[in-house]
Structure formats: structure tokens, C-alpha cells
PDB file of all heavy atoms in Angstrom:
ATOM      1  N   GLY A   1      -2.740  14.946  15.874  1.00  0.00           N
ATOM      2  CA  GLY A   1      -2.618  13.676  16.565  1.00  0.00           C
ATOM      3  C   GLY A   1      -2.969  12.559  15.632  1.00  0.00           C
ATOM      4  O   GLY A   1      -3.236  12.679  14.436  1.00  0.00           O
ATOM      5  N   LEU A   2      -2.854  11.314  16.194  1.00  0.00           N
ATOM      6  CA  LEU A   2      -3.093  10.063  15.418  1.00  0.00           C
ATOM      7  C   LEU A   2      -2.276  10.013  14.103  1.00  0.00           C
ATOM      8  O   LEU A   2      -2.840  10.098  13.091  1.00  0.00           O
ATOM      9  CB  LEU A   2      -4.596   9.951  15.126  1.00  0.00           C
ATOM     10  CG  LEU A   2      -5.486   9.559  16.283  1.00  0.00           C
ATOM     11  CD1 LEU A   2      -6.927   9.701  15.882  1.00  0.00           C
ATOM     12  CD2 LEU A   2      -5.156   8.178  16.808  1.00  0.00           C
ATOM     13  N   PRO A   3      -0.970   9.935  14.263  1.00  0.00           N
ATOM     14  CA  PRO A   3      -0.138   9.822  13.071  1.00  0.00           C
ATOM     15  C   PRO A   3      -0.484   8.579  12.233  1.00  0.00           C
ATOM     16  O   PRO A   3      -0.821   7.486  12.832  1.00  0.00           O
ATOM     17  CB  PRO A   3       1.323   9.738  13.564  1.00  0.00           C
ATOM     18  CG  PRO A   3       1.156   9.218  14.994  1.00  0.00           C
ATOM     19  CD  PRO A   3      -0.197   9.800  15.498  1.00  0.00           C
ATOM     20  N   ILE A   4      -0.506   8.659  10.922  1.00  0.00           N
ATOM     21  CA  ILE A   4      -0.672   7.556  10.023  1.00  0.00           C
ATOM     22  C   ILE A   4       0.681   7.193   9.386  1.00  0.00           C
ATOM     23  O   ILE A   4       1.305   8.108   8.749  1.00  0.00           O
ATOM     24  CB  ILE A   4      -1.686   7.906   8.942  1.00  0.00           C
ATOM     25  CG1 ILE A   4      -2.975   8.365   9.599  1.00  0.00           C
ATOM     26  CG2 ILE A   4      -1.951   6.691   8.092  1.00  0.00           C
ATOM     27  CD1 ILE A   4      -3.746   7.328  10.480  1.00  0.00           C
ATOM     28  N   LEU A   5       1.137   6.012   9.598  1.00  0.00           N
ATOM     29  CA  LEU A   5       2.363   5.502   9.033  1.00  0.00           C
ATOM     30  C   LEU A   5       2.009   4.472   7.932  1.00  0.00           C
ATOM     31  O   LEU A   5       1.125   3.701   8.104  1.00  0.00           O
ATOM     32  CB  LEU A   5       3.267   4.938  10.091  1.00  0.00           C
ATOM     33  CG  LEU A   5       3.912   5.908  11.046  1.00  0.00           C
ATOM     34  CD1 LEU A   5       2.956   6.132  12.244  1.00  0.00           C
ATOM     35  CD2 LEU A   5       5.223   5.342  11.632  1.00  0.00           C
ATOM     36  N   HIS A   6       2.834   4.412   6.898  1.00  0.00           N
ATOM     37  CA  HIS A   6       2.639   3.535   5.805  1.00  0.00           C
ATOM     38  C   HIS A   6       3.850   2.660   5.530  1.00  0.00           C
ATOM     39  O   HIS A   6       5.068   3.151   5.789  1.00  0.00           O
ATOM     40  CB  HIS A   6       2.366   4.301   4.501  1.00  0.00           C
ATOM     41  CG  HIS A   6       2.275   3.396   3.255  1.00  0.00           C
ATOM     42  ND1 HIS A   6       3.400   3.387   2.407  1.00  0.00           N
ATOM     43  CD2 HIS A   6       1.458   2.582   2.793  1.00  0.00           C
ATOM     44  CE1 HIS A   6       3.143   2.604   1.411  1.00  0.00           C
ATOM     45  NE2 HIS A   6       1.902   2.020   1.633  1.00  0.00           N
ATOM     46  N   SER A   7       3.657   1.450   5.181  1.00  0.00           N
ATOM     47  CA  SER A   7       4.783   0.539   4.911  1.00  0.00           C
ATOM     48  C   SER A   7       4.388  -0.477   3.878  1.00  0.00           C
ATOM     49  O   SER A   7       3.137  -0.792   3.735  1.00  0.00           O
ATOM     50  CB  SER A   7       5.205  -0.212   6.167  1.00  0.00           C
ATOM     51  OG  SER A   7       6.233  -1.165   5.887  1.00  0.00           O
ATOM     52  N   LYS A   8       5.290  -1.036   3.118  1.00  0.00           N
ATOM     53  CA  LYS A   8       5.065  -2.092   2.195  1.00  0.00           C
ATOM     54  C   LYS A   8       5.544  -3.443   2.768  1.00  0.00           C
ATOM     55  O   LYS A   8       5.191  -4.485   2.228  1.00  0.00           O
ATOM     56  CB  LYS A   8       5.788  -1.814   0.858  1.00  0.00           C
ATOM     57  CG  LYS A   8       5.190  -0.738  -0.010  1.00  0.00           C
ATOM     58  CD  LYS A   8       3.897  -1.266  -0.665  1.00  0.00           C
ATOM     59  CE  LYS A   8       3.354  -0.265  -1.666  1.00  0.00           C
ATOM     60  NZ  LYS A   8       2.103  -0.826  -2.376  1.00  0.00           N
ATOM     61  N   ASP A   9       6.344  -3.370   3.832  1.00  0.00           N
ATOM     62  CA  ASP A   9       6.995  -4.627   4.297  1.00  0.00           C
ATOM     63  C   ASP A   9       6.983  -4.816   5.806  1.00  0.00           C
ATOM     64  O   ASP A   9       7.612  -5.738   6.292  1.00  0.00           O
ATOM     65  CB  ASP A   9       8.393  -4.717   3.731  1.00  0.00           C
ATOM     66  CG  ASP A   9       9.246  -3.445   4.161  1.00  0.00           C
ATOM     67  OD1 ASP A   9       8.835  -2.704   5.039  1.00  0.00           O
ATOM     68  OD2 ASP A   9      10.345  -3.363   3.522  1.00  0.00           O
ATOM     69  N   LEU A  10       6.353  -3.897   6.547  1.00  0.00           N
ATOM     70  CA  LEU A  10       6.313  -3.963   7.953  1.00  0.00           C
ATOM     71  C   LEU A  10       7.672  -3.542   8.669  1.00  0.00           C
ATOM     72  O   LEU A  10       7.780  -3.601   9.868  1.00  0.00           O
ATOM     73  CB  LEU A  10       5.820  -5.275   8.580  1.00  0.00           C
ATOM     74  CG  LEU A  10       4.342  -5.653   8.220  1.00  0.00           C
ATOM     75  CD1 LEU A  10       4.053  -7.036   8.733  1.00  0.00           C
ATOM     76  CD2 LEU A  10       3.380  -4.646   8.863  1.00  0.00           C
ATOM     77  N   VAL A  11       8.650  -3.241   7.874  1.00  0.00           N
ATOM     78  CA  VAL A  11       9.965  -2.828   8.347  1.00  0.00           C
ATOM     79  C   VAL A  11      10.246  -1.388   8.181  1.00  0.00           C
ATOM     80  O   VAL A  11      10.598  -0.671   9.082  1.00  0.00           O
ATOM     81  CB  VAL A  11      11.076  -3.765   7.785  1.00  0.00           C
ATOM     82  CG1 VAL A  11      12.450  -3.265   8.189  1.00  0.00           C
ATOM     83  CG2 VAL A  11      10.847  -5.186   8.134  1.00  0.00           C
ATOM     84  N   ASN A  12      10.036  -0.943   6.913  1.00  0.00           N
ATOM     85  CA  ASN A  12      10.322   0.469   6.545  1.00  0.00           C
ATOM     86  C   ASN A  12       9.046   1.237   6.610  1.00  0.00           C
ATOM     87  O   ASN A  12       8.079   1.029   5.822  1.00  0.00           O
ATOM     88  CB  ASN A  12      10.928   0.486   5.187  1.00  0.00           C
ATOM     89  CG  ASN A  12      12.241  -0.247   5.044  1.00  0.00           C
ATOM     90  OD1 ASN A  12      13.275   0.318   5.536  1.00  0.00           O
ATOM     91  ND2 ASN A  12      12.222  -1.426   4.478  1.00  0.00           N
ATOM     92  N   TRP A  13       8.971   2.186   7.568  1.00  0.00           N
ATOM     93  CA  TRP A  13       7.761   2.975   7.757  1.00  0.00           C
ATOM     94  C   TRP A  13       8.016   4.426   7.473  1.00  0.00           C
ATOM     95  O   TRP A  13       9.074   5.017   7.728  1.00  0.00           O
ATOM     96  CB  TRP A  13       7.269   2.816   9.207  1.00  0.00           C
ATOM     97  CG  TRP A  13       6.768   1.433   9.548  1.00  0.00           C
ATOM     98  CD1 TRP A  13       7.474   0.373  10.016  1.00  0.00           C
ATOM     99  CD2 TRP A  13       5.466   0.987   9.400  1.00  0.00           C
ATOM    100  NE1 TRP A  13       6.647  -0.667  10.217  1.00  0.00           N
ATOM    101  CE2 TRP A  13       5.459  -0.386   9.810  1.00  0.00           C
ATOM    102  CE3 TRP A  13       4.265   1.531   8.861  1.00  0.00           C
ATOM    103  CZ2 TRP A  13       4.289  -1.163   9.786  1.00  0.00           C
ATOM    104  CZ3 TRP A  13       3.067   0.809   8.916  1.00  0.00           C
ATOM    105  CH2 TRP A  13       3.098  -0.545   9.345  1.00  0.00           C
ATOM    106  N   GLU A  14       6.922   5.106   7.002  1.00  0.00           N
ATOM    107  CA  GLU A  14       6.972   6.560   6.709  1.00  0.00           C
ATOM    108  C   GLU A  14       5.666   7.188   7.279  1.00  0.00           C
ATOM    109  O   GLU A  14       4.529   6.633   7.035  1.00  0.00           O
ATOM    110  CB  GLU A  14       7.118   6.738   5.276  1.00  0.00           C
ATOM    111  CG  GLU A  14       7.132   8.217   4.799  1.00  0.00           C
ATOM    112  CD  GLU A  14       7.137   8.439   3.367  1.00  0.00           C
ATOM    113  OE1 GLU A  14       6.939   7.414   2.593  1.00  0.00           O
ATOM    114  OE2 GLU A  14       7.287   9.567   2.834  1.00  0.00           O
ATOM    115  N   ILE A  15       5.795   8.336   7.901  1.00  0.00           N
ATOM    116  CA  ILE A  15       4.624   9.101   8.293  1.00  0.00           C
ATOM    117  C   ILE A  15       4.034   9.765   7.028  1.00  0.00           C
ATOM    118  O   ILE A  15       4.696  10.531   6.335  1.00  0.00           O
ATOM    119  CB  ILE A  15       4.924  10.129   9.382  1.00  0.00           C
ATOM    120  CG1 ILE A  15       5.479   9.449  10.625  1.00  0.00           C
ATOM    121  CG2 ILE A  15       3.709  11.010   9.667  1.00  0.00           C
ATOM    122  CD1 ILE A  15       5.855  10.462  11.700  1.00  0.00           C
ATOM    123  N   VAL A  16       2.756   9.428   6.779  1.00  0.00           N
ATOM    124  CA  VAL A  16       2.108  10.031   5.593  1.00  0.00           C
ATOM    125  C   VAL A  16       0.953  10.940   5.856  1.00  0.00           C
ATOM    126  O   VAL A  16       0.432  11.648   4.952  1.00  0.00           O
ATOM    127  CB  VAL A  16       1.655   8.836   4.657  1.00  0.00           C
ATOM    128  CG1 VAL A  16       2.763   8.060   4.169  1.00  0.00           C
ATOM    129  CG2 VAL A  16       0.597   7.943   5.367  1.00  0.00           C
ATOM    130  N   ASN A  17       0.543  10.963   7.154  1.00  0.00           N
ATOM    131  CA  ASN A  17      -0.565  11.832   7.469  1.00  0.00           C
ATOM    132  C   ASN A  17      -0.812  11.898   8.944  1.00  0.00           C
ATOM    133  O   ASN A  17      -0.169  11.146   9.746  1.00  0.00           O
ATOM    134  CB  ASN A  17      -1.853  11.308   6.798  1.00  0.00           C
ATOM    135  CG  ASN A  17      -2.970  12.404   6.696  1.00  0.00           C
ATOM    136  OD1 ASN A  17      -2.765  13.551   7.099  1.00  0.00           O
ATOM    137  ND2 ASN A  17      -4.125  12.062   6.103  1.00  0.00           N
ATOM    138  N   TYR A  18      -1.656  12.817   9.423  1.00  0.00           N
ATOM    139  CA  TYR A  18      -2.163  12.890  10.762  1.00  0.00           C
ATOM    140  C   TYR A  18      -3.707  12.890  10.679  1.00  0.00           C
ATOM    141  O   TYR A  18      -4.224  13.816   9.989  1.00  0.00           O
ATOM    142  CB  TYR A  18      -1.656  14.122  11.525  1.00  0.00           C
ATOM    143  CG  TYR A  18      -0.248  13.993  11.891  1.00  0.00           C
ATOM    144  CD1 TYR A  18       0.814  14.449  11.011  1.00  0.00           C
ATOM    145  CD2 TYR A  18       0.204  13.474  13.124  1.00  0.00           C
ATOM    146  CE1 TYR A  18       2.153  14.314  11.346  1.00  0.00           C
ATOM    147  CE2 TYR A  18       1.566  13.391  13.480  1.00  0.00           C
ATOM    148  CZ  TYR A  18       2.518  13.768  12.571  1.00  0.00           C
ATOM    149  OH  TYR A  18       3.834  13.724  12.887  1.00  0.00           O
ATOM    150  N   ALA A  19      -4.341  12.033  11.366  1.00  0.00           N
ATOM    151  CA  ALA A  19      -5.785  11.925  11.253  1.00  0.00           C
ATOM    152  C   ALA A  19      -6.581  12.917  12.043  1.00  0.00           C
ATOM    153  O   ALA A  19      -7.649  13.289  11.701  1.00  0.00           O
ATOM    154  CB  ALA A  19      -6.230  10.490  11.541  1.00  0.00           C
ATOM    155  N   LEU A  20      -6.018  13.371  13.142  1.00  0.00           N
ATOM    156  CA  LEU A  20      -6.626  14.270  14.065  1.00  0.00           C
ATOM    157  C   LEU A  20      -6.064  15.612  14.055  1.00  0.00           C
ATOM    158  O   LEU A  20      -4.965  15.866  14.529  1.00  0.00           O
ATOM    159  CB  LEU A  20      -6.588  13.602  15.511  1.00  0.00           C
ATOM    160  CG  LEU A  20      -7.326  14.336  16.585  1.00  0.00           C
ATOM    161  CD1 LEU A  20      -8.846  14.292  16.306  1.00  0.00           C
ATOM    162  CD2 LEU A  20      -7.054  13.722  17.953  1.00  0.00           C
ATOM    163  N   GLU A  21      -6.869  16.594  13.536  1.00  0.00           N
ATOM    164  CA  GLU A  21      -6.385  17.984  13.442  1.00  0.00           C
ATOM    165  C   GLU A  21      -6.337  18.700  14.735  1.00  0.00           C
ATOM    166  O   GLU A  21      -5.418  19.388  15.112  1.00  0.00           O
ATOM    167  CB  GLU A  21      -7.232  18.791  12.437  1.00  0.00           C
ATOM    168  CG  GLU A  21      -7.032  18.333  10.955  1.00  0.00           C
ATOM    169  CD  GLU A  21      -7.747  19.271  10.049  1.00  0.00           C
ATOM    170  OE1 GLU A  21      -8.470  20.187  10.490  1.00  0.00           O
ATOM    171  OE2 GLU A  21      -7.628  19.001   8.812  1.00  0.00           O
ATOM    172  N   LYS A  22      -7.460  18.471  15.462  1.00  0.00           N
ATOM    173  CA  LYS A  22      -7.586  19.155  16.824  1.00  0.00           C
ATOM    174  C   LYS A  22      -8.111  18.124  17.804  1.00  0.00           C
ATOM    175  O   LYS A  22      -9.007  17.321  17.573  1.00  0.00           O
ATOM    176  CB  LYS A  22      -8.530  20.325  16.724  1.00  0.00           C
ATOM    177  CG  LYS A  22      -8.087  21.478  15.847  1.00  0.00           C
ATOM    178  CD  LYS A  22      -9.056  22.648  15.911  1.00  0.00           C
ATOM    179  CE  LYS A  22      -8.549  23.831  15.098  1.00  0.00           C
ATOM    180  NZ  LYS A  22      -9.409  25.010  15.131  1.00  0.00           N
ATOM    181  N   GLN A  23      -7.547  18.305  19.009  1.00  0.00           N
ATOM    182  CA  GLN A  23      -8.044  17.437  20.111  1.00  0.00           C
ATOM    183  C   GLN A  23      -9.265  17.988  20.764  1.00  0.00           C
ATOM    184  O   GLN A  23      -9.283  19.276  20.984  1.00  0.00           O
ATOM    185  CB  GLN A  23      -6.863  17.363  21.176  1.00  0.00           C
ATOM    186  CG  GLN A  23      -7.160  16.416  22.337  1.00  0.00           C
ATOM    187  CD  GLN A  23      -6.865  14.997  21.864  1.00  0.00           C
ATOM    188  OE1 GLN A  23      -5.980  14.808  21.087  1.00  0.00           O
ATOM    189  NE2 GLN A  23      -7.532  14.054  22.474  1.00  0.00           N
ATOM    190  N   ILE A  24     -10.267  17.225  20.992  1.00  0.00           N
ATOM    191  CA  ILE A  24     -11.491  17.726  21.606  1.00  0.00           C
ATOM    192  C   ILE A  24     -11.717  17.033  22.952  1.00  0.00           C
ATOM    193  O   ILE A  24     -11.261  15.925  23.113  1.00  0.00           O
ATOM    194  CB  ILE A  24     -12.694  17.528  20.708  1.00  0.00           C
ATOM    195  CG1 ILE A  24     -12.914  16.045  20.384  1.00  0.00           C
ATOM    196  CG2 ILE A  24     -12.494  18.287  19.428  1.00  0.00           C
ATOM    197  CD1 ILE A  24     -14.145  15.705  19.622  1.00  0.00           C
ATOM    198  N   PRO A  25     -12.428  17.730  23.830  1.00  0.00           N
ATOM    199  CA  PRO A  25     -13.039  19.140  23.731  1.00  0.00           C
ATOM    200  C   PRO A  25     -11.903  20.215  23.633  1.00  0.00           C
ATOM    201  O   PRO A  25     -10.999  20.124  24.469  1.00  0.00           O
ATOM    202  CB  PRO A  25     -13.892  19.261  24.976  1.00  0.00           C
ATOM    203  CG  PRO A  25     -14.044  17.852  25.533  1.00  0.00           C
ATOM    204  CD  PRO A  25     -12.843  17.111  25.125  1.00  0.00           C
ATOM    205  N   GLU A  26     -12.007  21.119  22.707  1.00  0.00           N
ATOM    206  CA  GLU A  26     -10.974  22.100  22.532  1.00  0.00           C
ATOM    207  C   GLU A  26     -10.755  22.999  23.807  1.00  0.00           C
ATOM    208  O   GLU A  26      -9.594  23.355  24.086  1.00  0.00           O
ATOM    209  CB  GLU A  26     -11.339  22.970  21.326  1.00  0.00           C
ATOM    210  CG  GLU A  26     -11.196  22.317  20.003  1.00  0.00           C
ATOM    211  CD  GLU A  26     -11.346  23.262  18.855  1.00  0.00           C
ATOM    212  OE1 GLU A  26     -10.776  24.388  18.870  1.00  0.00           O
ATOM    213  OE2 GLU A  26     -12.066  22.939  17.874  1.00  0.00           O
ATOM    214  N   GLU A  27     -11.851  23.283  24.472  1.00  0.00           N
ATOM    215  CA  GLU A  27     -11.712  24.120  25.681  1.00  0.00           C
ATOM    216  C   GLU A  27     -10.831  23.442  26.740  1.00  0.00           C
ATOM    217  O   GLU A  27     -10.281  24.105  27.599  1.00  0.00           O
ATOM    218  CB  GLU A  27     -13.038  24.517  26.205  1.00  0.00           C
ATOM    219  CG  GLU A  27     -13.889  23.353  26.710  1.00  0.00           C
ATOM    220  CD  GLU A  27     -14.777  22.759  25.590  1.00  0.00           C
ATOM    221  OE1 GLU A  27     -14.497  23.030  24.370  1.00  0.00           O
ATOM    222  OE2 GLU A  27     -15.762  22.088  25.984  1.00  0.00           O
ATOM    223  N   VAL A  28     -10.821  22.124  26.731  1.00  0.00           N
ATOM    224  CA  VAL A  28     -10.036  21.379  27.686  1.00  0.00           C
ATOM    225  C   VAL A  28      -8.585  21.285  27.204  1.00  0.00           C
ATOM    226  O   VAL A  28      -7.625  21.510  27.940  1.00  0.00           O
ATOM    227  CB  VAL A  28     -10.589  19.986  27.935  1.00  0.00           C
ATOM    228  CG1 VAL A  28      -9.641  19.175  28.804  1.00  0.00           C
ATOM    229  CG2 VAL A  28     -11.937  20.033  28.572  1.00  0.00           C
ATOM    230  N   PHE A  29      -8.390  20.983  25.916  1.00  0.00           N
ATOM    231  CA  PHE A  29      -7.075  20.694  25.412  1.00  0.00           C
ATOM    232  C   PHE A  29      -6.328  21.957  24.867  1.00  0.00           C
ATOM    233  O   PHE A  29      -5.264  21.815  24.308  1.00  0.00           O
ATOM    234  CB  PHE A  29      -7.098  19.609  24.385  1.00  0.00           C
ATOM    235  CG  PHE A  29      -7.377  18.233  24.950  1.00  0.00           C
ATOM    236  CD1 PHE A  29      -8.633  17.738  25.020  1.00  0.00           C
ATOM    237  CD2 PHE A  29      -6.281  17.451  25.513  1.00  0.00           C
ATOM    238  CE1 PHE A  29      -8.889  16.489  25.609  1.00  0.00           C
ATOM    239  CE2 PHE A  29      -6.521  16.251  26.025  1.00  0.00           C
ATOM    240  CZ  PHE A  29      -7.802  15.739  26.065  1.00  0.00           C
ATOM    241  N   ASN A  30      -6.933  23.132  25.054  1.00  0.00           N
ATOM    242  CA  ASN A  30      -6.262  24.344  24.737  1.00  0.00           C
ATOM    243  C   ASN A  30      -5.077  24.540  25.690  1.00  0.00           C
ATOM    244  O   ASN A  30      -4.148  25.317  25.451  1.00  0.00           O
ATOM    245  CB  ASN A  30      -7.227  25.497  24.832  1.00  0.00           C
ATOM    246  CG  ASN A  30      -8.027  25.702  23.562  1.00  0.00           C
ATOM    247  OD1 ASN A  30      -7.578  25.210  22.537  1.00  0.00           O
ATOM    248  ND2 ASN A  30      -9.151  26.375  23.661  1.00  0.00           N
ATOM    249  N   LYS A  31      -5.164  23.855  26.866  1.00  0.00           N
ATOM    250  CA  LYS A  31      -4.016  23.809  27.789  1.00  0.00           C
ATOM    251  C   LYS A  31      -3.427  22.412  27.752  1.00  0.00           C
ATOM    252  O   LYS A  31      -4.130  21.463  27.578  1.00  0.00           O
ATOM    253  CB  LYS A  31      -4.534  24.191  29.197  1.00  0.00           C
ATOM    254  CG  LYS A  31      -5.125  25.571  29.368  1.00  0.00           C
ATOM    255  CD  LYS A  31      -5.558  25.807  30.822  1.00  0.00           C
ATOM    256  CE  LYS A  31      -6.032  27.240  30.941  1.00  0.00           C
ATOM    257  NZ  LYS A  31      -6.487  27.549  32.371  1.00  0.00           N
ATOM    258  N   PRO A  32      -2.114  22.301  27.992  1.00  0.00           N
ATOM    259  CA  PRO A  32      -1.508  20.966  28.028  1.00  0.00           C
ATOM    260  C   PRO A  32      -2.142  20.014  28.999  1.00  0.00           C
ATOM    261  O   PRO A  32      -2.436  20.384  30.128  1.00  0.00           O
ATOM    262  CB  PRO A  32      -0.061  21.243  28.453  1.00  0.00           C
ATOM    263  CG  PRO A  32       0.155  22.687  28.083  1.00  0.00           C
ATOM    264  CD  PRO A  32      -1.129  23.370  28.242  1.00  0.00           C
ATOM    265  N   GLN A  33      -2.449  18.780  28.566  1.00  0.00           N
ATOM    266  CA  GLN A  33      -3.041  17.801  29.404  1.00  0.00           C
ATOM    267  C   GLN A  33      -2.260  16.543  29.249  1.00  0.00           C
ATOM    268  O   GLN A  33      -2.606  15.529  28.579  1.00  0.00           O
ATOM    269  CB  GLN A  33      -4.508  17.495  28.910  1.00  0.00           C
ATOM    270  CG  GLN A  33      -5.394  18.743  28.910  1.00  0.00           C
ATOM    271  CD  GLN A  33      -5.718  19.141  30.360  1.00  0.00           C
ATOM    272  OE1 GLN A  33      -5.767  18.353  31.242  1.00  0.00           O
ATOM    273  NE2 GLN A  33      -6.118  20.380  30.486  1.00  0.00           N
ATOM    274  N   HIS A  34      -1.031  16.560  29.956  1.00  0.00           N
ATOM    275  CA  HIS A  34      -0.087  15.474  29.769  1.00  0.00           C
ATOM    276  C   HIS A  34      -0.676  14.119  30.130  1.00  0.00           C
ATOM    277  O   HIS A  34      -1.343  13.993  31.149  1.00  0.00           O
ATOM    278  CB  HIS A  34       1.179  15.744  30.510  1.00  0.00           C
ATOM    279  CG  HIS A  34       1.807  16.993  30.197  1.00  0.00           C
ATOM    280  ND1 HIS A  34       2.410  17.286  28.950  1.00  0.00           N
ATOM    281  CD2 HIS A  34       2.066  18.233  30.862  1.00  0.00           C
ATOM    282  CE1 HIS A  34       2.928  18.506  28.840  1.00  0.00           C
ATOM    283  NE2 HIS A  34       2.726  19.079  30.046  1.00  0.00           N
TER     284      HIS A  34
END
């Protein structure tokens, strides 16, 4: 989760990372929580 996008000009964007590896509490989000 929490994608990190990078840009030099606010127009052209690229996904460079995801900050959140696992959603917590894990016991809750082990099942879909739309």
C-alpha cells in the first residue's frame, strides 16, 4: 500500500516504491476489507 510516485515536473509521474508492506492489524486485513 501507499504507492510512492516521483516526478520532476508534476506532469510525468513514475511509481518508485510502496511505503506500506503489510496492512495492520494483520488479523483483520488477512481478509478483504473493501
